[in-house]
């Protein structure tokens, strides 16, 4: 699968999500030929470890105030986050919808609402 010329942020994430869908081992993804298929095949322990590693690397890049490294590490973190979504059959559009729902809501109010018992 190749990416099309629309490099808008949503489109890039959606195209990558589509690519990850095709990499699932039960859909023909080959863990011997694809890093994504390998992560999906190995399951949560593999890709959640990568999330932790990439988040730590992002923190270190930010502490070093290194914009180029921050960009690279953020890209790695976003990629591995998309692997998580794909594994659990969650589309990025669902995350976009949640962000849209929160838009215009005070972050402090939203956080407080999450702590209230149902």
Protein backbone atom coordinates (compact mmCIF):
# COMPACT_ATOMS: atom_id res chain seq x y z
CA UNK A 1 0.00 0.00 0.00
CA UNK A 2 1.35 3.41 -0.88
CA UNK A 3 0.27 6.68 0.61
CA UNK A 4 -1.56 9.14 -1.61
CA UNK A 5 -0.56 12.76 -2.15
CA UNK A 6 -2.90 14.15 0.52
CA UNK A 7 -0.51 14.72 3.41
CA UNK A 8 -3.04 16.27 5.76
CA UNK A 9 -2.54 15.01 9.33
CA UNK A 10 -5.83 13.11 9.47
CA UNK A 11 -5.24 11.52 6.09
CA UNK A 12 -1.73 10.33 6.97
CA UNK A 13 -2.99 8.75 10.19
CA UNK A 14 -5.94 7.12 8.41
CA UNK A 15 -3.74 5.77 5.63
CA UNK A 16 -1.34 4.35 8.18
CA UNK A 17 -4.27 2.81 10.07
CA UNK A 18 -5.45 1.19 6.83
CA UNK A 19 -1.96 -0.13 6.19
CA UNK A 20 -1.79 -1.59 9.70
CA UNK A 21 -5.14 -3.33 9.12
CA UNK A 22 -3.56 -5.12 6.18
CA UNK A 23 -0.61 -6.22 8.31
CA UNK A 24 -2.61 -8.31 10.78
CA UNK A 25 -1.26 -11.87 10.57
CA UNK A 26 -4.81 -13.25 10.24
CA UNK A 27 -5.26 -11.01 7.17
CA UNK A 28 -2.08 -12.03 5.41
CA UNK A 29 0.48 -9.91 7.25
CA UNK A 30 3.79 -11.77 7.38
CA UNK A 31 5.71 -11.34 10.66
CA UNK A 32 8.89 -12.39 8.85
CA UNK A 33 8.61 -9.56 6.31
CA UNK A 34 6.80 -6.77 8.17
CA UNK A 35 7.71 -5.04 11.43
CA UNK A 36 4.05 -4.10 11.92
CA UNK A 37 2.89 -7.68 11.37
CA UNK A 38 5.54 -8.86 13.81
CA UNK A 39 4.31 -6.45 16.52
CA UNK A 40 0.69 -7.44 15.92
CA UNK A 41 1.61 -11.13 15.93
CA UNK A 42 3.55 -10.86 19.19
CA UNK A 43 0.65 -9.07 20.85
CA UNK A 44 0.31 -6.49 23.61
CA UNK A 45 3.53 -7.28 25.48
CA UNK A 46 5.57 -6.40 22.39
CA UNK A 47 3.84 -3.22 21.29
CA UNK A 48 3.11 -1.90 24.78
CA UNK A 49 6.82 -2.23 25.59
CA UNK A 50 7.51 -0.15 22.47
CA UNK A 51 5.01 2.49 23.63
CA UNK A 52 6.94 2.81 26.90
CA UNK A 53 10.28 3.01 25.10
CA UNK A 54 9.09 5.61 22.61
CA UNK A 55 7.40 7.72 25.30
CA UNK A 56 10.62 7.72 27.32
CA UNK A 57 12.67 8.65 24.26
CA UNK A 58 10.25 11.50 23.55
CA UNK A 59 10.60 12.78 27.11
CA UNK A 60 14.39 12.70 26.84
CA UNK A 61 14.36 14.49 23.49
CA UNK A 62 12.08 17.17 24.93
CA UNK A 63 14.30 17.57 28.00
CA UNK A 64 17.23 18.04 25.60
CA UNK A 65 15.20 20.65 23.70
CA UNK A 66 16.00 18.89 20.43
CA UNK A 67 13.19 19.63 17.94
CA UNK A 68 14.43 17.16 15.31
CA UNK A 69 14.57 14.34 17.88
CA UNK A 70 11.20 15.37 19.32
CA UNK A 71 9.62 15.08 15.88
CA UNK A 72 11.20 11.68 15.24
CA UNK A 73 10.27 10.28 18.63
CA UNK A 74 6.73 11.64 18.40
CA UNK A 75 6.36 9.96 15.01
CA UNK A 76 7.55 6.69 16.57
CA UNK A 77 5.11 7.08 19.47
CA UNK A 78 2.19 7.88 17.16
CA UNK A 79 3.03 4.90 14.95
CA UNK A 80 3.12 2.49 17.89
CA UNK A 81 -0.08 4.05 19.25
CA UNK A 82 -1.74 3.27 15.92
CA UNK A 83 -0.54 -0.33 16.29
CA UNK A 84 -2.36 -0.44 19.65
CA UNK A 85 -5.54 0.93 18.08
CA UNK A 86 -5.32 -1.55 15.22
CA UNK A 87 -4.77 -4.52 17.53
CA UNK A 88 -7.86 -3.60 19.55
CA UNK A 89 -9.87 -2.84 16.38
CA UNK A 90 -10.25 0.85 17.19
CA UNK A 91 -10.09 3.34 14.35
CA UNK A 92 -8.33 6.71 14.63
CA UNK A 93 -11.67 8.33 13.75
CA UNK A 94 -12.95 7.20 17.16
CA UNK A 95 -10.08 9.06 18.85
CA UNK A 96 -10.73 12.10 16.64
CA UNK A 97 -14.38 12.02 17.74
CA UNK A 98 -13.35 11.90 21.40
CA UNK A 99 -11.00 14.86 20.90
CA UNK A 100 -13.80 16.74 19.14
CA UNK A 101 -16.16 15.95 22.02
CA UNK A 102 -13.66 17.44 24.45
CA UNK A 103 -13.05 20.54 22.36
CA UNK A 104 -14.24 23.65 24.13
CA UNK A 105 -14.41 21.84 27.46
CA UNK A 106 -12.00 22.98 30.14
CA UNK A 107 -9.31 20.36 30.59
CA UNK A 108 -9.64 20.75 34.33
CA UNK A 109 -13.43 20.26 34.17
CA UNK A 110 -13.09 17.26 31.84
CA UNK A 111 -10.53 15.63 34.14
CA UNK A 112 -12.71 16.26 37.21
CA UNK A 113 -15.72 14.71 35.46
CA UNK A 114 -13.74 11.51 34.82
CA UNK A 115 -13.08 11.13 38.55
CA UNK A 116 -16.76 11.28 39.52
CA UNK A 117 -18.38 7.89 40.13
CA UNK A 118 -21.04 6.87 37.62
